[in-house]
Every structure is written in C-alpha cells, then in structure tokens.
Amino acid sequence: MNWTALFIIVVVLGVIVSNIMLLKYSAKMSLKNVNQDPIEKAKETLKTREGVQDKSDT
C-alpha cells in the first residue's frame, strides 16, 4: 500500500472519530437558552420597557 492511500485512510478515520466526539459533547450541552423563543423574549422586553415608560410618565 502506498503512502497516499494510508494518509487518506488516517484522515478519514480522524474525521469520523472527531465527529463522534463532537456528538458526545453536544449531547451533554444544556439547551436552556436555545429553547427560548426570540419573539416571546422580545414581547417580554417590550412589556417591561412600556412599564418603565409608564412609571416615568406619571
């Protein structure tokens, strides 16, 4: 077997192993912030800003 084929095999195995390691790492990640809906968060921010403006107007 020549060196080129061996190098390609090593690179492919490295990519496979690194992808498996990445999947294991991402499975342990916390998804608390990912599950938040940005539209709902924007609505809550708008309500709090309106509340602050109403208090400052009176």
PDB file of N, CA and C in Angstrom:
ATOM      1  N   MET A   1       0.857  -1.168   0.000  1.00  0.00           N
ATOM      2  CA  MET A   1       0.000   0.000   0.000  1.00  0.00           C
ATOM      3  C   MET A   1       0.910   1.240   0.000  1.00  0.00           C
ATOM      4  N   ASN A   2       0.560   2.196  -0.814  1.00  0.00           N
ATOM      5  CA  ASN A   2       1.415   3.374  -0.881  1.00  0.00           C
ATOM      6  C   ASN A   2       1.028   4.381   0.215  1.00  0.00           C
ATOM      7  N   TRP A   3       1.853   5.390   0.371  1.00  0.00           N
ATOM      8  CA  TRP A   3       1.679   6.363   1.454  1.00  0.00           C
ATOM      9  C   TRP A   3       0.446   7.236   1.263  1.00  0.00           C
ATOM     10  N   THR A   4       0.068   7.492   0.040  1.00  0.00           N
ATOM     11  CA  THR A   4      -1.106   8.332  -0.220  1.00  0.00           C
ATOM     12  C   THR A   4      -2.377   7.663   0.291  1.00  0.00           C
ATOM     13  N   ALA A   5      -2.523   6.380   0.008  1.00  0.00           N
ATOM     14  CA  ALA A   5      -3.708   5.654   0.459  1.00  0.00           C
ATOM     15  C   ALA A   5      -3.738   5.576   1.981  1.00  0.00           C
ATOM     16  N   LEU A   6      -2.601   5.340   2.584  1.00  0.00           N
ATOM     17  CA  LEU A   6      -2.528   5.282   4.040  1.00  0.00           C
ATOM     18  C   LEU A   6      -2.887   6.631   4.658  1.00  0.00           C
ATOM     19  N   PHE A   7      -2.400   7.699   4.057  1.00  0.00           N
ATOM     20  CA  PHE A   7      -2.709   9.043   4.553  1.00  0.00           C
ATOM     21  C   PHE A   7      -4.206   9.329   4.452  1.00  0.00           C
ATOM     22  N   ILE A   8      -4.829   8.947   3.351  1.00  0.00           N
ATOM     23  CA  ILE A   8      -6.271   9.169   3.173  1.00  0.00           C
ATOM     24  C   ILE A   8      -7.060   8.382   4.208  1.00  0.00           C
ATOM     25  N   ILE A   9      -6.673   7.151   4.465  1.00  0.00           N
ATOM     26  CA  ILE A   9      -7.358   6.327   5.464  1.00  0.00           C
ATOM     27  C   ILE A   9      -7.248   6.955   6.846  1.00  0.00           C
ATOM     28  N   VAL A  10      -6.075   7.436   7.205  1.00  0.00           N
ATOM     29  CA  VAL A  10      -5.876   8.066   8.515  1.00  0.00           C
ATOM     30  C   VAL A  10      -6.719   9.328   8.637  1.00  0.00           C
ATOM     31  N   VAL A  11      -6.778  10.129   7.586  1.00  0.00           N
ATOM     32  CA  VAL A  11      -7.578  11.363   7.618  1.00  0.00           C
ATOM     33  C   VAL A  11      -9.062  11.038   7.767  1.00  0.00           C
ATOM     34  N   VAL A  12      -9.551  10.061   7.033  1.00  0.00           N
ATOM     35  CA  VAL A  12     -10.966   9.679   7.114  1.00  0.00           C
ATOM     36  C   VAL A  12     -11.295   9.162   8.506  1.00  0.00           C
ATOM     37  N   LEU A  13     -10.449   8.328   9.059  1.00  0.00           N
ATOM     38  CA  LEU A  13     -10.685   7.831  10.416  1.00  0.00           C
ATOM     39  C   LEU A  13     -10.648   8.970  11.431  1.00  0.00           C
ATOM     40  N   GLY A  14      -9.770   9.928  11.241  1.00  0.00           N
ATOM     41  CA  GLY A  14      -9.711  11.085  12.131  1.00  0.00           C
ATOM     42  C   GLY A  14     -10.982  11.906  12.079  1.00  0.00           C
ATOM     43  N   VAL A  15     -11.525  12.089  10.884  1.00  0.00           N
ATOM     44  CA  VAL A  15     -12.778  12.838  10.744  1.00  0.00           C
ATOM     45  C   VAL A  15     -13.922  12.096  11.422  1.00  0.00           C
ATOM     46  N   ILE A  16     -13.984  10.799  11.247  1.00  0.00           N
ATOM     47  CA  ILE A  16     -15.053  10.005  11.866  1.00  0.00           C
ATOM     48  C   ILE A  16     -14.964  10.075  13.384  1.00  0.00           C
ATOM     49  N   VAL A  17     -13.778   9.893  13.933  1.00  0.00           N
ATOM     50  CA  VAL A  17     -13.600   9.933  15.388  1.00  0.00           C
ATOM     51  C   VAL A  17     -13.928  11.320  15.932  1.00  0.00           C
ATOM     52  N   SER A  18     -13.496  12.367  15.242  1.00  0.00           N
ATOM     53  CA  SER A  18     -13.780  13.718  15.734  1.00  0.00           C
ATOM     54  C   SER A  18     -15.269  14.026  15.678  1.00  0.00           C
ATOM     55  N   ASN A  19     -15.972  13.537  14.672  1.00  0.00           N
ATOM     56  CA  ASN A  19     -17.420  13.745  14.612  1.00  0.00           C
ATOM     57  C   ASN A  19     -18.134  13.010  15.736  1.00  0.00           C
ATOM     58  N   ILE A  20     -17.692  11.818  16.065  1.00  0.00           N
ATOM     59  CA  ILE A  20     -18.292  11.082  17.181  1.00  0.00           C
ATOM     60  C   ILE A  20     -18.042  11.816  18.492  1.00  0.00           C
ATOM     61  N   MET A  21     -16.836  12.338  18.671  1.00  0.00           N
ATOM     62  CA  MET A  21     -16.532  13.095  19.890  1.00  0.00           C
ATOM     63  C   MET A  21     -17.386  14.361  19.971  1.00  0.00           C
ATOM     64  N   LEU A  22     -17.596  15.025  18.846  1.00  0.00           N
ATOM     65  CA  LEU A  22     -18.429  16.223  18.820  1.00  0.00           C
ATOM     66  C   LEU A  22     -19.876  15.893  19.164  1.00  0.00           C
ATOM     67  N   LEU A  23     -20.386  14.783  18.672  1.00  0.00           N
ATOM     68  CA  LEU A  23     -21.750  14.377  19.002  1.00  0.00           C
ATOM     69  C   LEU A  23     -21.899  14.085  20.491  1.00  0.00           C
ATOM     70  N   LYS A  24     -20.922  13.429  21.080  1.00  0.00           N
ATOM     71  CA  LYS A  24     -20.974  13.150  22.514  1.00  0.00           C
ATOM     72  C   LYS A  24     -20.946  14.441  23.314  1.00  0.00           C
ATOM     73  N   TYR A  25     -20.122  15.393  22.896  1.00  0.00           N
ATOM     74  CA  TYR A  25     -20.031  16.674  23.600  1.00  0.00           C
ATOM     75  C   TYR A  25     -21.329  17.459  23.463  1.00  0.00           C
ATOM     76  N   SER A  26     -21.895  17.488  22.276  1.00  0.00           N
ATOM     77  CA  SER A  26     -23.114  18.269  22.069  1.00  0.00           C
ATOM     78  C   SER A  26     -24.316  17.625  22.750  1.00  0.00           C
ATOM     79  N   ALA A  27     -24.271  16.329  22.991  1.00  0.00           N
ATOM     80  CA  ALA A  27     -25.373  15.670  23.687  1.00  0.00           C
ATOM     81  C   ALA A  27     -25.421  16.088  25.152  1.00  0.00           C
ATOM     82  N   LYS A  28     -24.290  16.507  25.709  1.00  0.00           N
ATOM     83  CA  LYS A  28     -24.230  16.908  27.112  1.00  0.00           C
ATOM     84  C   LYS A  28     -24.510  18.393  27.310  1.00  0.00           C
ATOM     85  N   MET A  29     -24.611  19.158  26.217  1.00  0.00           N
ATOM     86  CA  MET A  29     -24.807  20.602  26.339  1.00  0.00           C
ATOM     87  C   MET A  29     -26.195  20.917  26.880  1.00  0.00           C
ATOM     88  N   SER A  30     -26.275  21.996  27.633  1.00  0.00           N
ATOM     89  CA  SER A  30     -27.548  22.454  28.160  1.00  0.00           C
ATOM     90  C   SER A  30     -28.276  23.253  27.083  1.00  0.00           C
ATOM     91  N   LEU A  31     -29.560  22.999  26.947  1.00  0.00           N
ATOM     92  CA  LEU A  31     -30.347  23.677  25.923  1.00  0.00           C
ATOM     93  C   LEU A  31     -31.320  24.679  26.530  1.00  0.00           C
ATOM     94  N   LYS A  32     -31.020  25.197  27.702  1.00  0.00           N
ATOM     95  CA  LYS A  32     -31.932  26.140  28.347  1.00  0.00           C
ATOM     96  C   LYS A  32     -32.104  27.401  27.517  1.00  0.00           C
ATOM     97  N   ASN A  33     -31.021  27.961  27.013  1.00  0.00           N
ATOM     98  CA  ASN A  33     -31.110  29.201  26.251  1.00  0.00           C
ATOM     99  C   ASN A  33     -31.548  28.969  24.811  1.00  0.00           C
ATOM    100  N   VAL A  34     -31.350  27.792  24.293  1.00  0.00           N
ATOM    101  CA  VAL A  34     -31.705  27.513  22.908  1.00  0.00           C
ATOM    102  C   VAL A  34     -33.212  27.380  22.752  1.00  0.00           C
ATOM    103  N   ASN A  35     -33.892  26.907  23.787  1.00  0.00           N
ATOM    104  CA  ASN A  35     -35.322  26.674  23.689  1.00  0.00           C
ATOM    105  C   ASN A  35     -36.150  27.945  23.806  1.00  0.00           C
ATOM    106  N   GLN A  36     -35.555  29.061  24.131  1.00  0.00           N
ATOM    107  CA  GLN A  36     -36.308  30.292  24.267  1.00  0.00           C
ATOM    108  C   GLN A  36     -36.685  30.825  22.892  1.00  0.00           C
ATOM    109  N   ASP A  37     -37.958  31.198  22.755  1.00  0.00           N
ATOM    110  CA  ASP A  37     -38.442  31.763  21.508  1.00  0.00           C
ATOM    111  C   ASP A  37     -38.054  33.231  21.453  1.00  0.00           C
ATOM    112  N   PRO A  38     -37.352  33.683  20.435  1.00  0.00           N
ATOM    113  CA  PRO A  38     -36.918  35.084  20.392  1.00  0.00           C
ATOM    114  C   PRO A  38     -38.082  36.060  20.304  1.00  0.00           C
ATOM    115  N   ILE A  39     -39.193  35.650  19.708  1.00  0.00           N
ATOM    116  CA  ILE A  39     -40.351  36.541  19.608  1.00  0.00           C
ATOM    117  C   ILE A  39     -40.969  36.744  20.983  1.00  0.00           C
ATOM    118  N   GLU A  40     -41.106  35.664  21.745  1.00  0.00           N
ATOM    119  CA  GLU A  40     -41.649  35.789  23.099  1.00  0.00           C
ATOM    120  C   GLU A  40     -40.731  36.632  23.973  1.00  0.00           C
ATOM    121  N   LYS A  41     -39.442  36.456  23.829  1.00  0.00           N
ATOM    122  CA  LYS A  41     -38.486  37.242  24.605  1.00  0.00           C
ATOM    123  C   LYS A  41     -38.594  38.719  24.242  1.00  0.00           C
ATOM    124  N   ALA A  42     -38.772  39.020  22.955  1.00  0.00           N
ATOM    125  CA  ALA A  42     -38.920  40.415  22.525  1.00  0.00           C
ATOM    126  C   ALA A  42     -40.209  41.016  23.069  1.00  0.00           C
ATOM    127  N   LYS A  43     -41.274  40.236  23.117  1.00  0.00           N
ATOM    128  CA  LYS A  43     -42.542  40.732  23.675  1.00  0.00           C
ATOM    129  C   LYS A  43     -42.389  41.057  25.156  1.00  0.00           C
ATOM    130  N   GLU A  44     -41.708  40.198  25.889  1.00  0.00           N
ATOM    131  CA  GLU A  44     -41.490  40.454  27.315  1.00  0.00           C
ATOM    132  C   GLU A  44     -40.638  41.699  27.520  1.00  0.00           C
ATOM    133  N   THR A  45     -39.623  41.867  26.707  1.00  0.00           N
ATOM    134  CA  THR A  45     -38.775  43.060  26.806  1.00  0.00           C
ATOM    135  C   THR A  45     -39.575  44.312  26.507  1.00  0.00           C
ATOM    136  N   LEU A  46     -40.447  44.253  25.508  1.00  0.00           N
ATOM    137  CA  LEU A  46     -41.283  45.396  25.160  1.00  0.00           C
ATOM    138  C   LEU A  46     -42.230  45.739  26.299  1.00  0.00           C
ATOM    139  N   LYS A  47     -42.808  44.724  26.929  1.00  0.00           N
ATOM    140  CA  LYS A  47     -43.713  44.977  28.057  1.00  0.00           C
ATOM    141  C   LYS A  47     -42.980  45.637  29.215  1.00  0.00           C
ATOM    142  N   THR A  48     -41.772  45.172  29.501  1.00  0.00           N
ATOM    143  CA  THR A  48     -41.030  45.778  30.610  1.00  0.00           C
ATOM    144  C   THR A  48     -40.623  47.206  30.274  1.00  0.00           C
ATOM    145  N   ARG A  49     -40.269  47.469  29.029  1.00  0.00           N
ATOM    146  CA  ARG A  49     -39.916  48.837  28.631  1.00  0.00           C
ATOM    147  C   ARG A  49     -41.133  49.754  28.698  1.00  0.00           C
ATOM    148  N   GLU A  50     -42.295  49.250  28.275  1.00  0.00           N
ATOM    149  CA  GLU A  50     -43.510  50.062  28.355  1.00  0.00           C
ATOM    150  C   GLU A  50     -43.870  50.338  29.802  1.00  0.00           C
ATOM    151  N   GLY A  51     -43.662  49.360  30.669  1.00  0.00           N
ATOM    152  CA  GLY A  51     -43.934  49.552  32.091  1.00  0.00           C
ATOM    153  C   GLY A  51     -43.026  50.607  32.689  1.00  0.00           C
ATOM    154  N   VAL A  52     -41.777  50.626  32.300  1.00  0.00           N
ATOM    155  CA  VAL A  52     -40.831  51.625  32.800  1.00  0.00           C
ATOM    156  C   VAL A  52     -41.205  53.002  32.277  1.00  0.00           C
ATOM    157  N   GLN A  53     -41.624  53.100  31.032  1.00  0.00           N
ATOM    158  CA  GLN A  53     -42.015  54.384  30.463  1.00  0.00           C
ATOM    159  C   GLN A  53     -43.289  54.905  31.117  1.00  0.00           C
ATOM    160  N   ASP A  54     -44.248  54.011  31.403  1.00  0.00           N
ATOM    161  CA  ASP A  54     -45.486  54.428  32.056  1.00  0.00           C
ATOM    162  C   ASP A  54     -45.199  54.981  33.443  1.00  0.00           C
ATOM    163  N   LYS A  55     -44.286  54.362  34.156  1.00  0.00           N
ATOM    164  CA  LYS A  55     -43.952  54.830  35.502  1.00  0.00           C
ATOM    165  C   LYS A  55     -43.230  56.169  35.448  1.00  0.00           C
ATOM    166  N   SER A  56     -42.413  56.376  34.438  1.00  0.00           N
ATOM    167  CA  SER A  56     -41.675  57.639  34.347  1.00  0.00           C
ATOM    168  C   SER A  56     -42.572  58.773  33.858  1.00  0.00           C
ATOM    169  N   ASP A  57     -43.666  58.453  33.146  1.00  0.00           N
ATOM    170  CA  ASP A  57     -44.595  59.481  32.676  1.00  0.00           C
ATOM    171  C   ASP A  57     -45.455  60.023  33.806  1.00  0.00           C
ATOM    172  N   THR A  58     -45.729  59.231  34.811  1.00  0.00           N
ATOM    173  CA  THR A  58     -46.613  59.679  35.902  1.00  0.00           C
ATOM    174  C   THR A  58     -45.859  60.396  36.970  1.00  0.00           C
TER     175      THR A  58
END
